[in-house]
Amino acid sequence: PPGRKFRRTKGERLLAMKCPLIAEAETRKQVMAQARAVLKEVVANLHGIEAPSDKPQSEDRLSETIGISRASGNVHAVHSLRAVVAFSEAALSVIVDNLPPSPTSRKEVAAVALAIQKIFMERVTKAALAYANYLLEKSHESHADERRRISRELHDRVAHSIMVAFRSLEIFEMYE
């Protein structure tokens, strides 16, 4: 069946790329969920239906979740882009292999390729924004932590210096 061939082809391509996205069970599940969601959306798009409105919120936020988990796991965004290319190639080759010959098959393949590209790019954009926002937030937290550390250190030094000066004045008054 076409679905089985797609899974095998996609997995083989990701393994050949030594893609860290399939190294762990959790990220592998995310990748597979994303692939299923994209294929569903491609089919809906090709039937002239806009993005399904009955999507569960978890499916709708999947790209953002993936972007955040990639950033927090120190997986560079380039691996997601390579996976998109592998998915696109695998999906398109399965579709081309299963299309019956017809005078309009080239147009059909082009429509499928454009639908796949459009949907993947929308999802990659969401994931990339979540990835960047996560890293910016971590950078902001790091800067805030450093500012707090410096202010504590300055406060402690100044308080200590004032206390030493105060004690010195007290001692001076006692001997005067």
N, C-alpha and C. Protein backbone atom coordinates (compact mmCIF):
# COMPACT_ATOMS: atom_id res chain seq x y z
N PRO A 1 0.82 -1.20 0.00
CA PRO A 1 0.00 0.00 0.00
C PRO A 1 0.86 1.26 0.00
N PRO A 2 0.36 2.34 -0.58
CA PRO A 2 1.13 3.56 -0.70
C PRO A 2 1.59 4.11 0.65
N GLY A 3 0.73 4.09 1.67
CA GLY A 3 1.11 4.61 2.99
C GLY A 3 2.31 3.90 3.56
N ARG A 4 2.34 2.59 3.43
CA ARG A 4 3.46 1.80 3.97
C ARG A 4 4.74 2.16 3.22
N LYS A 5 4.65 2.29 1.90
CA LYS A 5 5.84 2.65 1.12
C LYS A 5 6.34 4.03 1.53
N PHE A 6 5.41 4.97 1.77
CA PHE A 6 5.79 6.32 2.18
C PHE A 6 6.53 6.27 3.51
N ARG A 7 5.99 5.53 4.47
CA ARG A 7 6.64 5.45 5.78
C ARG A 7 8.05 4.88 5.66
N ARG A 8 8.18 3.80 4.86
CA ARG A 8 9.48 3.16 4.71
C ARG A 8 10.46 4.11 4.01
N THR A 9 10.04 4.73 2.94
CA THR A 9 10.90 5.64 2.18
C THR A 9 11.33 6.81 3.05
N LYS A 10 10.39 7.42 3.75
CA LYS A 10 10.68 8.58 4.59
C LYS A 10 11.65 8.19 5.69
N GLY A 11 11.38 7.09 6.37
CA GLY A 11 12.25 6.62 7.44
C GLY A 11 13.64 6.32 6.93
N GLU A 12 13.73 5.68 5.77
CA GLU A 12 15.04 5.38 5.20
C GLU A 12 15.81 6.65 4.90
N ARG A 13 15.11 7.66 4.37
CA ARG A 13 15.79 8.92 4.04
C ARG A 13 16.27 9.62 5.30
N LEU A 14 15.43 9.63 6.34
CA LEU A 14 15.83 10.28 7.59
C LEU A 14 16.98 9.54 8.25
N LEU A 15 16.95 8.21 8.18
CA LEU A 15 18.06 7.43 8.74
C LEU A 15 19.35 7.68 7.96
N ALA A 16 19.24 7.74 6.64
CA ALA A 16 20.42 7.98 5.81
C ALA A 16 21.03 9.35 6.09
N MET A 17 20.17 10.33 6.45
CA MET A 17 20.66 11.67 6.75
C MET A 17 21.22 11.74 8.17
N LYS A 18 21.11 10.65 8.92
CA LYS A 18 21.50 10.63 10.34
C LYS A 18 20.79 11.77 11.08
N CYS A 19 19.49 11.83 10.86
CA CYS A 19 18.66 12.89 11.40
C CYS A 19 18.39 12.68 12.89
N PRO A 20 18.75 13.65 13.74
CA PRO A 20 18.50 13.50 15.18
C PRO A 20 17.02 13.55 15.53
N LEU A 21 16.18 13.90 14.56
CA LEU A 21 14.75 13.99 14.83
C LEU A 21 14.12 12.62 15.05
N ILE A 22 14.79 11.56 14.63
CA ILE A 22 14.22 10.23 14.85
C ILE A 22 15.04 9.42 15.84
N ALA A 23 15.98 10.08 16.51
CA ALA A 23 16.84 9.38 17.45
C ALA A 23 16.09 8.95 18.71
N GLU A 24 15.19 9.77 19.21
CA GLU A 24 14.45 9.47 20.43
C GLU A 24 13.01 9.17 20.10
N ALA A 25 12.38 8.35 20.94
CA ALA A 25 10.99 7.94 20.71
C ALA A 25 10.05 9.13 20.67
N GLU A 26 10.24 10.10 21.57
CA GLU A 26 9.33 11.24 21.64
C GLU A 26 9.42 12.10 20.38
N THR A 27 10.63 12.39 19.93
CA THR A 27 10.76 13.21 18.72
C THR A 27 10.30 12.44 17.49
N ARG A 28 10.51 11.13 17.50
CA ARG A 28 10.04 10.30 16.39
C ARG A 28 8.51 10.37 16.31
N LYS A 29 7.83 10.33 17.48
CA LYS A 29 6.37 10.44 17.50
C LYS A 29 5.92 11.79 16.94
N GLN A 30 6.64 12.86 17.33
CA GLN A 30 6.29 14.19 16.83
C GLN A 30 6.44 14.27 15.32
N VAL A 31 7.54 13.70 14.82
CA VAL A 31 7.79 13.72 13.38
C VAL A 31 6.69 12.97 12.63
N MET A 32 6.32 11.81 13.14
CA MET A 32 5.28 11.00 12.48
C MET A 32 3.92 11.71 12.56
N ALA A 33 3.61 12.32 13.69
CA ALA A 33 2.35 13.06 13.83
C ALA A 33 2.31 14.23 12.86
N GLN A 34 3.44 14.90 12.72
CA GLN A 34 3.52 16.03 11.79
C GLN A 34 3.33 15.54 10.35
N ALA A 35 3.95 14.42 10.00
CA ALA A 35 3.82 13.87 8.64
C ALA A 35 2.36 13.51 8.35
N ARG A 36 1.70 12.85 9.31
CA ARG A 36 0.28 12.49 9.11
C ARG A 36 -0.58 13.73 8.95
N ALA A 37 -0.34 14.74 9.80
CA ALA A 37 -1.12 15.97 9.73
C ALA A 37 -0.91 16.68 8.39
N VAL A 38 0.33 16.70 7.92
CA VAL A 38 0.62 17.34 6.63
C VAL A 38 -0.10 16.60 5.50
N LEU A 39 -0.02 15.28 5.50
CA LEU A 39 -0.69 14.52 4.43
C LEU A 39 -2.19 14.74 4.45
N LYS A 40 -2.78 14.79 5.66
CA LYS A 40 -4.21 15.06 5.76
C LYS A 40 -4.54 16.43 5.18
N GLU A 41 -3.71 17.39 5.51
CA GLU A 41 -3.93 18.75 5.03
C GLU A 41 -3.72 18.85 3.51
N VAL A 42 -2.74 18.12 2.98
CA VAL A 42 -2.51 18.11 1.53
C VAL A 42 -3.74 17.54 0.81
N VAL A 43 -4.26 16.43 1.31
CA VAL A 43 -5.44 15.82 0.70
C VAL A 43 -6.62 16.79 0.75
N ALA A 44 -6.84 17.43 1.89
CA ALA A 44 -7.93 18.40 2.01
C ALA A 44 -7.73 19.55 1.04
N ASN A 45 -6.48 20.03 0.94
CA ASN A 45 -6.17 21.14 0.05
C ASN A 45 -6.43 20.77 -1.40
N LEU A 46 -6.05 19.56 -1.78
CA LEU A 46 -6.25 19.12 -3.16
C LEU A 46 -7.73 18.92 -3.50
N HIS A 47 -8.54 18.67 -2.49
CA HIS A 47 -9.98 18.54 -2.70
C HIS A 47 -10.67 19.89 -2.62
N GLY A 48 -9.88 20.96 -2.50
CA GLY A 48 -10.44 22.31 -2.48
C GLY A 48 -10.97 22.72 -1.13
N ILE A 49 -10.60 21.97 -0.11
CA ILE A 49 -11.06 22.29 1.24
C ILE A 49 -9.92 23.02 1.94
N GLU A 50 -10.24 24.17 2.58
CA GLU A 50 -9.22 24.87 3.35
C GLU A 50 -8.84 24.01 4.53
N ALA A 51 -7.87 24.44 5.29
CA ALA A 51 -7.39 23.69 6.44
C ALA A 51 -8.57 23.23 7.29
N PRO A 52 -8.60 21.96 7.68
CA PRO A 52 -9.73 21.44 8.46
C PRO A 52 -9.94 22.26 9.73
N SER A 53 -11.20 22.68 9.94
CA SER A 53 -11.50 23.51 11.11
C SER A 53 -11.73 22.66 12.35
N ASP A 54 -11.91 21.35 12.19
CA ASP A 54 -12.15 20.49 13.34
C ASP A 54 -10.86 19.90 13.90
N LYS A 55 -9.74 20.54 13.54
CA LYS A 55 -8.44 20.07 14.04
C LYS A 55 -8.40 20.22 15.55
N PRO A 56 -7.91 19.19 16.23
CA PRO A 56 -7.72 19.36 17.67
C PRO A 56 -6.64 20.42 17.91
N GLN A 57 -6.74 21.11 19.04
CA GLN A 57 -5.77 22.17 19.33
C GLN A 57 -4.36 21.62 19.39
N SER A 58 -4.20 20.39 19.88
CA SER A 58 -2.85 19.81 19.97
C SER A 58 -2.25 19.64 18.58
N GLU A 59 -3.07 19.28 17.60
CA GLU A 59 -2.57 19.13 16.23
C GLU A 59 -2.26 20.49 15.63
N ASP A 60 -3.08 21.48 15.98
CA ASP A 60 -2.90 22.83 15.46
C ASP A 60 -1.60 23.45 15.99
N ARG A 61 -1.22 23.12 17.21
CA ARG A 61 -0.02 23.69 17.83
C ARG A 61 1.19 22.77 17.70
N LEU A 62 1.06 21.70 16.95
CA LEU A 62 2.14 20.72 16.83
C LEU A 62 3.43 21.35 16.32
N SER A 63 3.35 22.20 15.32
CA SER A 63 4.56 22.83 14.77
C SER A 63 5.27 23.67 15.82
N GLU A 64 4.49 24.42 16.61
CA GLU A 64 5.09 25.24 17.65
C GLU A 64 5.75 24.35 18.71
N THR A 65 5.07 23.29 19.09
CA THR A 65 5.61 22.35 20.08
C THR A 65 6.92 21.76 19.57
N ILE A 66 6.94 21.40 18.30
CA ILE A 66 8.15 20.83 17.72
C ILE A 66 9.28 21.86 17.72
N GLY A 67 8.98 23.09 17.35
CA GLY A 67 10.01 24.14 17.34
C GLY A 67 10.62 24.34 18.72
N ILE A 68 9.76 24.36 19.74
CA ILE A 68 10.24 24.55 21.11
C ILE A 68 11.07 23.35 21.56
N SER A 69 10.58 22.15 21.27
CA SER A 69 11.33 20.97 21.73
C SER A 69 12.67 20.85 21.00
N ARG A 70 12.74 21.27 19.74
CA ARG A 70 14.02 21.24 19.03
C ARG A 70 14.99 22.22 19.67
N ALA A 71 14.50 23.42 19.97
CA ALA A 71 15.37 24.43 20.59
C ALA A 71 15.83 23.98 21.97
N SER A 72 14.90 23.46 22.77
CA SER A 72 15.27 23.04 24.13
C SER A 72 16.17 21.82 24.12
N GLY A 73 16.08 21.01 23.07
CA GLY A 73 16.93 19.82 22.95
C GLY A 73 18.23 20.08 22.19
N ASN A 74 18.49 21.36 21.87
CA ASN A 74 19.70 21.74 21.12
C ASN A 74 19.80 21.05 19.77
N VAL A 75 18.66 20.83 19.13
CA VAL A 75 18.66 20.28 17.77
C VAL A 75 18.53 21.46 16.82
N HIS A 76 19.51 21.63 15.97
CA HIS A 76 19.53 22.79 15.07
C HIS A 76 18.36 22.71 14.09
N ALA A 77 17.83 23.88 13.72
CA ALA A 77 16.69 23.97 12.82
C ALA A 77 16.97 23.36 11.45
N VAL A 78 18.22 23.28 11.06
CA VAL A 78 18.56 22.73 9.75
C VAL A 78 18.08 21.27 9.63
N HIS A 79 18.05 20.55 10.75
CA HIS A 79 17.59 19.16 10.70
C HIS A 79 16.10 19.08 10.35
N SER A 80 15.32 20.03 10.84
CA SER A 80 13.90 20.08 10.49
C SER A 80 13.74 20.39 9.01
N LEU A 81 14.56 21.28 8.49
CA LEU A 81 14.47 21.62 7.07
C LEU A 81 14.85 20.42 6.19
N ARG A 82 15.88 19.70 6.61
CA ARG A 82 16.27 18.51 5.86
C ARG A 82 15.17 17.45 5.91
N ALA A 83 14.51 17.33 7.07
CA ALA A 83 13.42 16.37 7.19
C ALA A 83 12.26 16.76 6.27
N VAL A 84 11.99 18.06 6.16
CA VAL A 84 10.93 18.53 5.26
C VAL A 84 11.24 18.12 3.83
N VAL A 85 12.48 18.29 3.42
CA VAL A 85 12.88 17.90 2.06
C VAL A 85 12.68 16.40 1.87
N ALA A 86 13.10 15.61 2.85
CA ALA A 86 12.95 14.15 2.76
C ALA A 86 11.48 13.76 2.69
N PHE A 87 10.64 14.37 3.54
CA PHE A 87 9.20 14.09 3.52
C PHE A 87 8.60 14.47 2.17
N SER A 88 8.95 15.65 1.68
CA SER A 88 8.40 16.13 0.40
C SER A 88 8.76 15.19 -0.74
N GLU A 89 10.04 14.82 -0.80
CA GLU A 89 10.48 13.91 -1.86
C GLU A 89 9.78 12.56 -1.77
N ALA A 90 9.67 12.03 -0.56
CA ALA A 90 9.04 10.73 -0.37
C ALA A 90 7.56 10.78 -0.74
N ALA A 91 6.87 11.81 -0.26
CA ALA A 91 5.44 11.94 -0.56
C ALA A 91 5.21 12.10 -2.06
N LEU A 92 6.00 12.95 -2.68
CA LEU A 92 5.82 13.18 -4.11
C LEU A 92 6.13 11.94 -4.93
N SER A 93 7.18 11.20 -4.56
CA SER A 93 7.51 10.00 -5.33
C SER A 93 6.43 8.93 -5.19
N VAL A 94 5.83 8.82 -4.02
CA VAL A 94 4.74 7.85 -3.83
C VAL A 94 3.54 8.25 -4.67
N ILE A 95 3.23 9.53 -4.66
CA ILE A 95 2.07 10.01 -5.44
C ILE A 95 2.31 9.81 -6.92
N VAL A 96 3.49 10.15 -7.40
CA VAL A 96 3.80 9.98 -8.83
C VAL A 96 3.73 8.51 -9.21
N ASP A 97 4.25 7.62 -8.35
CA ASP A 97 4.21 6.18 -8.64
C ASP A 97 2.79 5.64 -8.69
N ASN A 98 1.87 6.26 -7.96
CA ASN A 98 0.50 5.75 -7.88
C ASN A 98 -0.50 6.51 -8.73
N LEU A 99 -0.05 7.52 -9.46
CA LEU A 99 -0.95 8.26 -10.35
C LEU A 99 -1.16 7.47 -11.64
N PRO A 100 -2.40 7.31 -12.03
CA PRO A 100 -2.62 6.65 -13.32
C PRO A 100 -2.19 7.59 -14.46
N PRO A 101 -1.65 7.02 -15.52
CA PRO A 101 -1.25 7.88 -16.65
C PRO A 101 -2.46 8.60 -17.24
N SER A 102 -2.30 9.88 -17.45
CA SER A 102 -3.36 10.67 -18.06
C SER A 102 -2.74 11.89 -18.70
N PRO A 103 -3.49 12.53 -19.60
CA PRO A 103 -2.95 13.72 -20.25
C PRO A 103 -2.70 14.87 -19.26
N THR A 104 -3.36 14.85 -18.12
CA THR A 104 -3.20 15.95 -17.15
C THR A 104 -2.32 15.57 -15.96
N SER A 105 -1.63 14.43 -16.05
CA SER A 105 -0.87 13.97 -14.89
C SER A 105 0.23 14.95 -14.48
N ARG A 106 0.83 15.65 -15.44
CA ARG A 106 1.86 16.63 -15.09
C ARG A 106 1.28 17.77 -14.25
N LYS A 107 0.10 18.23 -14.65
CA LYS A 107 -0.55 19.29 -13.89
C LYS A 107 -0.94 18.80 -12.50
N GLU A 108 -1.37 17.55 -12.43
CA GLU A 108 -1.76 16.98 -11.14
C GLU A 108 -0.54 16.87 -10.22
N VAL A 109 0.57 16.42 -10.77
CA VAL A 109 1.79 16.30 -9.97
C VAL A 109 2.24 17.68 -9.50
N ALA A 110 2.16 18.66 -10.39
CA ALA A 110 2.54 20.02 -10.02
C ALA A 110 1.63 20.55 -8.90
N ALA A 111 0.33 20.28 -9.00
CA ALA A 111 -0.61 20.72 -7.96
C ALA A 111 -0.28 20.06 -6.63
N VAL A 112 0.03 18.78 -6.66
CA VAL A 112 0.38 18.06 -5.44
C VAL A 112 1.68 18.62 -4.86
N ALA A 113 2.67 18.82 -5.71
CA ALA A 113 3.96 19.35 -5.24
C ALA A 113 3.78 20.73 -4.61
N LEU A 114 2.97 21.58 -5.23
CA LEU A 114 2.73 22.91 -4.67
C LEU A 114 1.98 22.83 -3.34
N ALA A 115 1.02 21.92 -3.25
CA ALA A 115 0.27 21.76 -1.99
C ALA A 115 1.20 21.28 -0.88
N ILE A 116 2.05 20.31 -1.20
CA ILE A 116 3.00 19.80 -0.20
C ILE A 116 3.94 20.92 0.24
N GLN A 117 4.47 21.66 -0.72
CA GLN A 117 5.39 22.74 -0.40
C GLN A 117 4.71 23.80 0.47
N LYS A 118 3.52 24.21 0.10
CA LYS A 118 2.79 25.26 0.82
C LYS A 118 2.56 24.84 2.28
N ILE A 119 2.08 23.64 2.48
CA ILE A 119 1.74 23.20 3.83
C ILE A 119 3.00 23.01 4.68
N PHE A 120 4.02 22.41 4.09
CA PHE A 120 5.27 22.25 4.85
C PHE A 120 5.86 23.61 5.21
N MET A 121 5.84 24.55 4.30
CA MET A 121 6.42 25.87 4.58
C MET A 121 5.63 26.59 5.67
N GLU A 122 4.30 26.45 5.68
CA GLU A 122 3.50 27.06 6.74
C GLU A 122 3.89 26.46 8.09
N ARG A 123 4.05 25.15 8.11
CA ARG A 123 4.40 24.47 9.37
C ARG A 123 5.84 24.77 9.78
N VAL A 124 6.75 24.81 8.84
CA VAL A 124 8.14 25.12 9.16
C VAL A 124 8.24 26.55 9.69
N THR A 125 7.47 27.45 9.12
CA THR A 125 7.47 28.84 9.59
C THR A 125 7.02 28.91 11.04
N LYS A 126 5.92 28.21 11.37
CA LYS A 126 5.44 28.19 12.76
C LYS A 126 6.50 27.60 13.68
N ALA A 127 7.10 26.50 13.26
CA ALA A 127 8.13 25.86 14.09
C ALA A 127 9.35 26.76 14.26
N ALA A 128 9.76 27.42 13.17
CA ALA A 128 10.93 28.30 13.24
C ALA A 128 10.67 29.49 14.16
N LEU A 129 9.47 30.04 14.10
CA LEU A 129 9.15 31.15 14.99
C LEU A 129 9.15 30.70 16.46
N ALA A 130 8.57 29.54 16.71
CA ALA A 130 8.58 29.02 18.08
C ALA A 130 10.01 28.74 18.53
N TYR A 131 10.83 28.20 17.64
CA TYR A 131 12.24 27.91 17.93
C TYR A 131 12.97 29.21 18.31
N ALA A 132 12.82 30.22 17.48
CA ALA A 132 13.48 31.50 17.73
C ALA A 132 12.95 32.16 19.00
N ASN A 133 11.65 32.14 19.20
CA ASN A 133 11.07 32.75 20.40
C ASN A 133 11.56 32.05 21.66
N TYR A 134 11.67 30.73 21.62
CA TYR A 134 12.18 29.98 22.77
C TYR A 134 13.61 30.42 23.08
N LEU A 135 14.45 30.48 22.05
CA LEU A 135 15.84 30.88 22.27
C LEU A 135 15.95 32.32 22.77
N LEU A 136 15.11 33.21 22.24
CA LEU A 136 15.11 34.60 22.71
C LEU A 136 14.67 34.68 24.17
N GLU A 137 13.67 33.90 24.52
CA GLU A 137 13.20 33.89 25.91
C GLU A 137 14.30 33.38 26.84
N LYS A 138 14.98 32.32 26.43
CA LYS A 138 16.09 31.79 27.25
C LYS A 138 17.21 32.82 27.37
N SER A 139 17.49 33.52 26.30
CA SER A 139 18.52 34.57 26.34
C SER A 139 18.10 35.69 27.30
N HIS A 140 16.83 36.08 27.21
CA HIS A 140 16.31 37.12 28.10
C HIS A 140 16.40 36.67 29.55
N GLU A 141 16.01 35.43 29.83
CA GLU A 141 16.09 34.90 31.20
C GLU A 141 17.54 34.89 31.69
N SER A 142 18.45 34.51 30.81
CA SER A 142 19.87 34.48 31.18
C SER A 142 20.38 35.88 31.51
N HIS A 143 20.00 36.87 30.70
CA HIS A 143 20.40 38.25 30.96
C HIS A 143 19.81 38.74 32.28
N ALA A 144 18.55 38.43 32.51
CA ALA A 144 17.90 38.86 33.76
C ALA A 144 18.59 38.21 34.96
N ASP A 145 18.91 36.93 34.85
CA ASP A 145 19.62 36.24 35.94
C ASP A 145 20.97 36.90 36.20
N GLU A 146 21.67 37.23 35.14
CA GLU A 146 22.99 37.86 35.29
C GLU A 146 22.86 39.24 35.92
N ARG A 147 21.85 40.02 35.52
CA ARG A 147 21.63 41.33 36.13
C ARG A 147 21.32 41.19 37.62
N ARG A 148 20.50 40.20 37.98
CA ARG A 148 20.20 39.97 39.40
C ARG A 148 21.46 39.58 40.17
N ARG A 149 22.28 38.72 39.59
CA ARG A 149 23.52 38.30 40.24
C ARG A 149 24.43 39.50 40.47
N ILE A 150 24.59 40.32 39.45
CA ILE A 150 25.46 41.50 39.56
C ILE A 150 24.90 42.47 40.60
N SER A 151 23.60 42.68 40.59
CA SER A 151 23.03 43.63 41.56
C SER A 151 23.17 43.10 42.99
N ARG A 152 23.01 41.77 43.19
CA ARG A 152 23.23 41.19 44.52
C ARG A 152 24.69 41.38 44.96
N GLU A 153 25.60 41.12 44.03
CA GLU A 153 27.02 41.25 44.34
C GLU A 153 27.36 42.70 44.69
N LEU A 154 26.85 43.65 43.89
CA LEU A 154 27.11 45.07 44.18
C LEU A 154 26.49 45.46 45.52
N HIS A 155 25.28 45.01 45.76
CA HIS A 155 24.61 45.32 47.02
C HIS A 155 25.42 44.78 48.20
N ASP A 156 25.85 43.54 48.09
CA ASP A 156 26.63 42.94 49.18
C ASP A 156 27.94 43.67 49.40
N ARG A 157 28.63 44.03 48.33
CA ARG A 157 29.90 44.75 48.46
C ARG A 157 29.70 46.13 49.09
N VAL A 158 28.71 46.86 48.58
CA VAL A 158 28.45 48.21 49.08
C VAL A 158 28.03 48.12 50.54
N ALA A 159 27.13 47.20 50.87
CA ALA A 159 26.68 47.05 52.25
C ALA A 159 27.86 46.71 53.16
N HIS A 160 28.72 45.84 52.71
CA HIS A 160 29.89 45.46 53.50
C HIS A 160 30.81 46.67 53.69
N SER A 161 31.05 47.42 52.64
CA SER A 161 31.92 48.61 52.72
C SER A 161 31.34 49.65 53.66
N ILE A 162 30.03 49.86 53.59
CA ILE A 162 29.39 50.83 54.47
C ILE A 162 29.51 50.37 55.93
N MET A 163 29.30 49.09 56.15
CA MET A 163 29.39 48.55 57.50
C MET A 163 30.82 48.70 58.04
N VAL A 164 31.82 48.42 57.22
CA VAL A 164 33.21 48.58 57.64
C VAL A 164 33.49 50.04 57.97
N ALA A 165 33.01 50.95 57.14
CA ALA A 165 33.20 52.38 57.38
C ALA A 165 32.51 52.80 58.68
N PHE A 166 31.30 52.32 58.89
CA PHE A 166 30.55 52.64 60.10
C PHE A 166 31.28 52.15 61.33
N ARG A 167 31.78 50.91 61.29
CA ARG A 167 32.54 50.34 62.42
C ARG A 167 33.84 51.15 62.65
N SER A 168 34.47 51.54 61.57
CA SER A 168 35.69 52.33 61.69
C SER A 168 35.40 53.66 62.37
N LEU A 169 34.28 54.29 62.04
CA LEU A 169 33.88 55.55 62.68
C LEU A 169 33.58 55.34 64.16
N GLU A 170 32.92 54.23 64.46
CA GLU A 170 32.63 53.94 65.87
C GLU A 170 33.93 53.77 66.66
N ILE A 171 34.87 53.04 66.10
CA ILE A 171 36.16 52.81 66.76
C ILE A 171 36.90 54.14 66.89
N PHE A 172 36.85 54.96 65.85
CA PHE A 172 37.51 56.26 65.89
C PHE A 172 36.92 57.11 67.01
N GLU A 173 35.58 57.12 67.14
CA GLU A 173 34.91 57.90 68.19
C GLU A 173 35.29 57.39 69.58
N MET A 174 35.46 56.08 69.72
CA MET A 174 35.81 55.52 71.03
C MET A 174 37.21 55.98 71.45
N TYR A 175 38.14 56.09 70.51
CA TYR A 175 39.53 56.45 70.85
C TYR A 175 39.75 57.95 70.84
N GLU A 176 38.81 58.72 70.55
CA GLU A 176 38.99 60.17 70.50
C GLU A 176 38.71 60.83 71.77
